[in-house]
Amino acid sequence: MDYDANSLVESATEFAILPTVYFKVDDAINDPCKSNHHLSQIINEDAVLAAKLLRIANSALFNFPSKIDTISRAITVIGTQQLKDMVLSCSVIKTFNHLPADLVNMDSFWRHSMATAVAARLLATYCKESNVERYFVAGLLHDIGQLVLFSEIPCVICEVIQKALSMQFLLQDVEQEIVGFTHAEVGALLMNAWKLPECHEKAVGYHHSPELAENSQKEVAIVHVADLMTTALQFGRSGEFYAPKLNNEAWKNLGLSSNVIPLIIQQLERQYQDAVCYILSD
């Protein structure tokens, strides 16, 4: 049977809709007439989201010396764009909460995604990138196409995973063989359907093939390396059992010494636990 990636994403977006609060936050940030006070009011309308954002702001991810106890304070200290990225992260996790456990272990999926998000954020920090939260989001979203495939063609994807495991093949190679495209391609289409920034679309779409990315090469390279690290270290699992080969050009693009890897892994282990505790928990 032939499958069409665009059709799958179109079908999935009938239920995979980002919560209204994210778009309200985005509009408020981009409207010069709206103040930080207005932004904090929007977030505080969702008590669960507001509480989660405050827990994140006080976690090891930010490691601020004093307690942040209001959304207004969080906006001032963290920044509006960074807070919007945190809202997006929480919104995406909330969006995909319907898949049955017999198809996909959502806890394991999000643990891998969260670890990749934290690793991407750390790599971006060592690369001295601005707004490292956007790398966190890109890492969190990198395998989101896998959830679309589980939602739309579950039996086929279960077959793909079983073949990849039994034959010791990389998941994307078997997806290409059986489905005709990969979860990375599907994820990029979903980013476009959600009208998210191009850097997220490219990072998701090319995280297994960074050499093909013409734009957002740093974002793609960082997510590629972060995914490889967390897969090798077995922080959760999104369906892939084997770590892909490191793309040397992507690593060179980061401009980092291999000496930083042990430091990043040490920080990853600590920040990952906080991220799982404060972002994945209800």
Protein backbone atom coordinates (compact mmCIF):
# COMPACT_ATOMS: atom_id res chain seq x y z
CA MET A 1 0.00 0.00 0.00
CA ASP A 2 1.24 3.49 -0.84
CA TYR A 3 1.25 6.11 1.90
CA ASP A 4 1.36 9.89 1.56
CA ALA A 5 3.12 11.88 4.28
CA ASN A 6 1.06 15.03 3.67
CA SER A 7 -2.20 13.10 3.96
CA LEU A 8 -1.10 11.49 7.23
CA VAL A 9 -0.20 14.86 8.75
CA GLU A 10 -3.43 16.42 7.49
CA SER A 11 -5.40 13.63 9.12
CA ALA A 12 -3.41 13.85 12.36
CA THR A 13 -3.87 17.61 12.70
CA GLU A 14 -7.60 17.07 13.05
CA PHE A 15 -6.88 16.12 16.66
CA ALA A 16 -3.23 17.20 17.10
CA ILE A 17 -4.03 20.87 17.69
CA LEU A 18 -1.85 23.02 19.90
CA PRO A 19 -3.74 24.52 22.88
CA THR A 20 -5.13 28.03 22.39
CA VAL A 21 -2.94 29.40 25.18
CA TYR A 22 0.19 28.93 23.05
CA PHE A 23 -1.19 31.07 20.22
CA LYS A 24 -2.42 33.68 22.68
CA VAL A 25 1.07 33.87 24.17
CA ASP A 26 2.64 34.07 20.72
CA ASP A 27 0.27 36.87 19.65
CA ALA A 28 0.91 38.82 22.86
CA ILE A 29 4.68 38.61 22.46
CA ASN A 30 4.50 39.78 18.84
CA ASP A 31 2.08 42.63 19.60
CA PRO A 32 4.01 45.79 20.64
CA CYS A 33 0.86 47.09 22.31
CA LYS A 34 0.74 44.15 24.74
CA SER A 35 2.74 44.33 27.98
CA ASN A 36 4.38 41.63 30.06
CA HIS A 37 1.48 42.07 32.49
CA HIS A 38 -0.95 41.08 29.72
CA LEU A 39 1.25 38.08 28.90
CA SER A 40 1.29 36.94 32.52
CA GLN A 41 -2.51 37.24 32.65
CA ILE A 42 -2.84 34.92 29.65
CA ILE A 43 -0.62 32.28 31.24
CA ASN A 44 -2.29 32.59 34.65
CA GLU A 45 -5.66 31.79 33.03
CA ASP A 46 -4.34 28.21 32.79
CA ALA A 47 -3.55 27.40 36.42
CA VAL A 48 -1.98 24.03 35.62
CA LEU A 49 0.31 25.53 32.97
CA ALA A 50 1.26 28.46 35.22
CA ALA A 51 2.19 26.15 38.08
CA LYS A 52 4.23 23.94 35.74
CA LEU A 53 6.12 26.94 34.31
CA LEU A 54 6.99 28.13 37.81
CA ARG A 55 8.30 24.67 38.71
CA ILE A 56 10.42 24.68 35.56
CA ALA A 57 11.73 28.20 36.31
CA ASN A 58 12.85 27.02 39.74
CA SER A 59 14.46 23.82 38.47
CA ALA A 60 18.06 22.92 37.67
CA LEU A 61 17.38 23.88 34.06
CA PHE A 62 17.75 27.53 35.04
CA ASN A 63 19.42 27.26 38.43
CA PHE A 64 18.49 30.77 39.59
CA PRO A 65 19.80 31.67 43.06
CA SER A 66 16.48 33.06 44.32
CA LYS A 67 12.97 31.62 44.12
CA ILE A 68 10.72 32.71 41.24
CA ASP A 69 7.20 32.77 42.65
CA THR A 70 5.13 34.60 40.01
CA ILE A 71 4.73 34.37 36.25
CA SER A 72 5.53 38.09 36.01
CA ARG A 73 8.85 37.45 37.72
CA ALA A 74 9.49 34.46 35.45
CA ILE A 75 8.92 36.62 32.37
CA THR A 76 11.34 39.24 33.68
CA VAL A 77 14.08 36.77 34.61
CA ILE A 78 13.74 34.15 31.87
CA GLY A 79 12.53 36.39 29.03
CA THR A 80 9.43 36.38 26.87
CA GLN A 81 10.74 34.31 23.95
CA GLN A 82 12.22 31.72 26.28
CA LEU A 83 8.99 31.47 28.25
CA LYS A 84 7.03 31.08 25.00
CA ASP A 85 9.27 28.14 24.12
CA MET A 86 8.50 26.57 27.50
CA VAL A 87 4.77 27.06 26.87
CA LEU A 88 5.20 25.35 23.49
CA SER A 89 7.01 22.42 25.09
CA CYS A 90 4.24 21.89 27.64
CA SER A 91 1.56 22.33 24.96
CA VAL A 92 3.04 19.70 22.62
CA ILE A 93 3.22 17.10 25.39
CA LYS A 94 -0.39 17.83 26.30
CA THR A 95 -1.48 17.52 22.65
CA PHE A 96 -0.32 13.92 22.19
CA ASN A 97 -1.90 12.21 25.19
CA HIS A 98 -4.37 9.94 23.43
CA LEU A 99 -2.23 7.15 21.99
CA PRO A 100 -2.97 3.76 23.59
CA ALA A 101 -0.26 2.18 25.73
CA ASP A 102 -0.29 -1.06 23.76
CA LEU A 103 0.98 0.87 20.71
CA VAL A 104 3.61 3.15 22.18
CA ASN A 105 5.08 3.67 25.62
CA MET A 106 4.46 7.41 25.92
CA ASP A 107 6.48 7.72 29.11
CA SER A 108 9.54 6.21 27.43
CA PHE A 109 8.95 8.30 24.29
CA TRP A 110 8.79 11.58 26.19
CA ARG A 111 11.74 10.62 28.38
CA HIS A 112 13.89 10.20 25.27
CA SER A 113 12.51 13.43 23.80
CA MET A 114 13.09 15.29 27.07
CA ALA A 115 16.66 14.01 27.37
CA THR A 116 17.35 15.11 23.79
CA ALA A 117 15.84 18.52 24.59
CA VAL A 118 18.09 18.95 27.62
CA ALA A 119 21.16 17.73 25.71
CA ALA A 120 20.40 20.13 22.84
CA ARG A 121 20.04 22.99 25.31
CA LEU A 122 23.38 22.13 26.92
CA LEU A 123 25.14 21.83 23.56
CA ALA A 124 23.70 25.20 22.52
CA THR A 125 24.94 26.70 25.78
CA TYR A 126 28.48 25.43 25.18
CA CYS A 127 28.22 26.77 21.61
CA LYS A 128 27.31 30.16 23.12
CA GLU A 129 24.05 30.32 21.18
CA SER A 130 21.41 32.89 22.08
CA ASN A 131 18.00 31.77 23.38
CA VAL A 132 18.98 28.19 24.15
CA GLU A 133 15.32 27.37 24.87
CA ARG A 134 14.61 27.14 21.15
CA TYR A 135 17.12 24.29 21.00
CA PHE A 136 15.32 22.67 23.92
CA VAL A 137 12.08 22.79 21.91
CA ALA A 138 13.76 21.45 18.77
CA GLY A 139 15.18 18.54 20.77
CA LEU A 140 11.81 17.85 22.36
CA LEU A 141 10.08 17.79 18.98
CA HIS A 142 12.68 15.85 16.98
CA ASP A 143 10.77 12.53 16.95
CA ILE A 144 7.24 13.96 16.95
CA GLY A 145 6.62 12.47 13.51
CA GLN A 146 6.80 9.04 15.13
CA LEU A 147 3.63 9.85 17.08
CA VAL A 148 1.84 10.86 13.88
CA LEU A 149 2.78 7.51 12.35
CA PHE A 150 1.63 5.61 15.44
CA SER A 151 -1.63 7.54 15.32
CA GLU A 152 -2.36 7.09 11.62
CA ILE A 153 -0.78 3.75 10.60
CA PRO A 154 -0.15 1.94 13.90
CA CYS A 155 0.05 -1.62 12.58
CA VAL A 156 2.55 -0.65 9.90
CA ILE A 157 4.79 1.20 12.34
CA CYS A 158 4.73 -1.71 14.77
CA GLU A 159 5.90 -3.87 11.86
CA VAL A 160 8.64 -1.34 11.08
CA ILE A 161 9.90 -1.32 14.66
CA GLN A 162 9.90 -5.12 14.90
CA LYS A 163 11.85 -5.48 11.65
CA ALA A 164 14.35 -2.79 12.67
CA LEU A 165 14.91 -4.56 15.99
CA SER A 166 15.15 -8.10 14.62
CA MET A 167 17.41 -7.13 11.70
CA GLN A 168 19.42 -4.61 13.76
CA PHE A 169 18.64 -1.85 11.26
CA LEU A 170 18.17 1.84 11.99
CA LEU A 171 14.51 2.74 12.33
CA GLN A 172 14.50 5.44 9.64
CA ASP A 173 15.97 3.02 7.09
CA VAL A 174 13.15 0.53 7.62
CA GLU A 175 10.57 3.35 7.57
CA GLN A 176 11.90 4.44 4.20
CA GLU A 177 11.72 0.87 2.90
CA ILE A 178 8.23 -0.01 4.12
CA VAL A 179 6.41 3.33 4.37
CA GLY A 180 8.28 5.31 1.73
CA PHE A 181 9.32 8.17 4.02
CA THR A 182 10.61 8.67 7.56
CA HIS A 183 9.26 10.00 10.84
CA ALA A 184 11.64 12.94 10.44
CA GLU A 185 9.93 13.98 7.19
CA VAL A 186 6.51 13.62 8.81
CA GLY A 187 7.63 15.65 11.81
CA ALA A 188 8.84 18.48 9.57
CA LEU A 189 5.46 18.56 7.82
CA LEU A 190 3.73 18.78 11.21
CA MET A 191 5.97 21.71 12.21
CA ASN A 192 4.89 23.45 9.02
CA ALA A 193 1.21 22.66 9.64
CA TRP A 194 1.51 24.12 13.13
CA LYS A 195 3.22 27.20 11.64
CA LEU A 196 6.19 26.85 13.98
CA PRO A 197 9.51 28.59 13.19
CA GLU A 198 11.50 27.26 10.25
CA CYS A 199 14.43 26.36 12.52
CA HIS A 200 12.19 23.78 14.26
CA GLU A 201 10.99 22.40 10.94
CA LYS A 202 14.57 21.96 9.69
CA ALA A 203 15.91 20.52 12.96
CA VAL A 204 13.10 17.94 13.06
CA GLY A 205 13.26 17.13 9.36
CA TYR A 206 17.02 16.70 9.08
CA HIS A 207 18.13 15.43 12.50
CA HIS A 208 19.09 12.09 10.88
CA SER A 209 20.55 13.70 7.76
CA PRO A 210 22.16 17.01 8.75
CA GLU A 211 24.25 17.04 5.59
CA LEU A 212 21.07 17.75 3.57
CA ALA A 213 20.02 20.84 5.52
CA GLU A 214 20.53 24.07 3.62
CA ASN A 215 19.17 26.35 6.37
CA SER A 216 19.30 26.32 10.19
CA GLN A 217 22.40 24.14 10.03
CA LYS A 218 23.46 24.86 13.62
CA GLU A 219 20.05 23.86 14.98
CA VAL A 220 20.07 20.70 12.87
CA ALA A 221 23.62 19.80 13.94
CA ILE A 222 22.87 20.33 17.63
CA VAL A 223 19.71 18.19 17.57
CA HIS A 224 21.55 15.49 15.56
CA VAL A 225 24.31 15.25 18.16
CA ALA A 226 21.90 15.48 21.10
CA ASP A 227 19.73 12.66 19.71
CA LEU A 228 22.76 10.45 19.13
CA MET A 229 23.99 11.05 22.70
CA THR A 230 20.68 10.29 24.39
CA THR A 231 20.01 7.23 22.21
CA ALA A 232 23.45 5.83 23.02
CA LEU A 233 22.95 6.56 26.74
CA GLN A 234 19.45 4.99 26.61
CA PHE A 235 17.49 7.87 28.07
CA GLY A 236 14.05 6.52 27.21
CA ARG A 237 13.21 5.27 23.73
CA SER A 238 11.06 6.56 20.87
CA GLY A 239 11.23 3.37 18.79
CA GLU A 240 14.90 3.44 17.86
CA PHE A 241 17.09 0.76 19.45
CA TYR A 242 20.43 1.60 17.84
CA ALA A 243 22.40 4.83 17.93
CA PRO A 244 22.91 6.27 14.45
CA LYS A 245 26.37 7.13 13.18
CA LEU A 246 27.69 10.56 14.09
CA ASN A 247 27.82 12.94 11.14
CA ASN A 248 31.33 14.39 11.32
CA GLU A 249 30.40 17.60 9.53
CA ALA A 250 27.60 18.22 12.00
CA TRP A 251 30.02 17.78 14.90
CA LYS A 252 32.50 20.14 13.26
CA ASN A 253 29.71 22.66 12.82
CA LEU A 254 29.40 22.89 16.60
CA GLY A 255 33.03 23.94 16.99
CA LEU A 256 33.35 22.08 20.29
CA SER A 257 36.17 20.00 21.70
CA SER A 258 35.40 16.39 22.55
CA ASN A 259 36.58 17.26 26.07
CA VAL A 260 33.22 18.88 26.79
CA ILE A 261 31.26 15.65 26.27
CA PRO A 262 31.84 14.24 29.80
CA LEU A 263 30.83 17.63 31.26
CA ILE A 264 27.67 17.73 29.17
CA ILE A 265 26.74 14.17 30.16
CA GLN A 266 27.22 15.02 33.83
CA GLN A 267 24.96 18.07 33.56
CA LEU A 268 22.50 16.16 31.40
CA GLU A 269 21.92 13.51 34.04
CA ARG A 270 21.06 16.13 36.66
CA GLN A 271 18.94 18.42 34.49
CA TYR A 272 17.14 15.52 32.83
CA GLN A 273 15.75 14.34 36.15
CA ASP A 274 14.39 17.82 36.88
CA ALA A 275 12.90 18.13 33.39
CA VAL A 276 11.11 14.80 33.69
CA CYS A 277 9.86 15.68 37.17
CA TYR A 278 8.62 19.19 36.40
CA ILE A 279 7.57 19.01 32.74
CA LEU A 280 6.31 15.47 32.23
CA SER A 281 4.46 15.23 35.54
CA ASP A 282 0.91 16.58 35.81
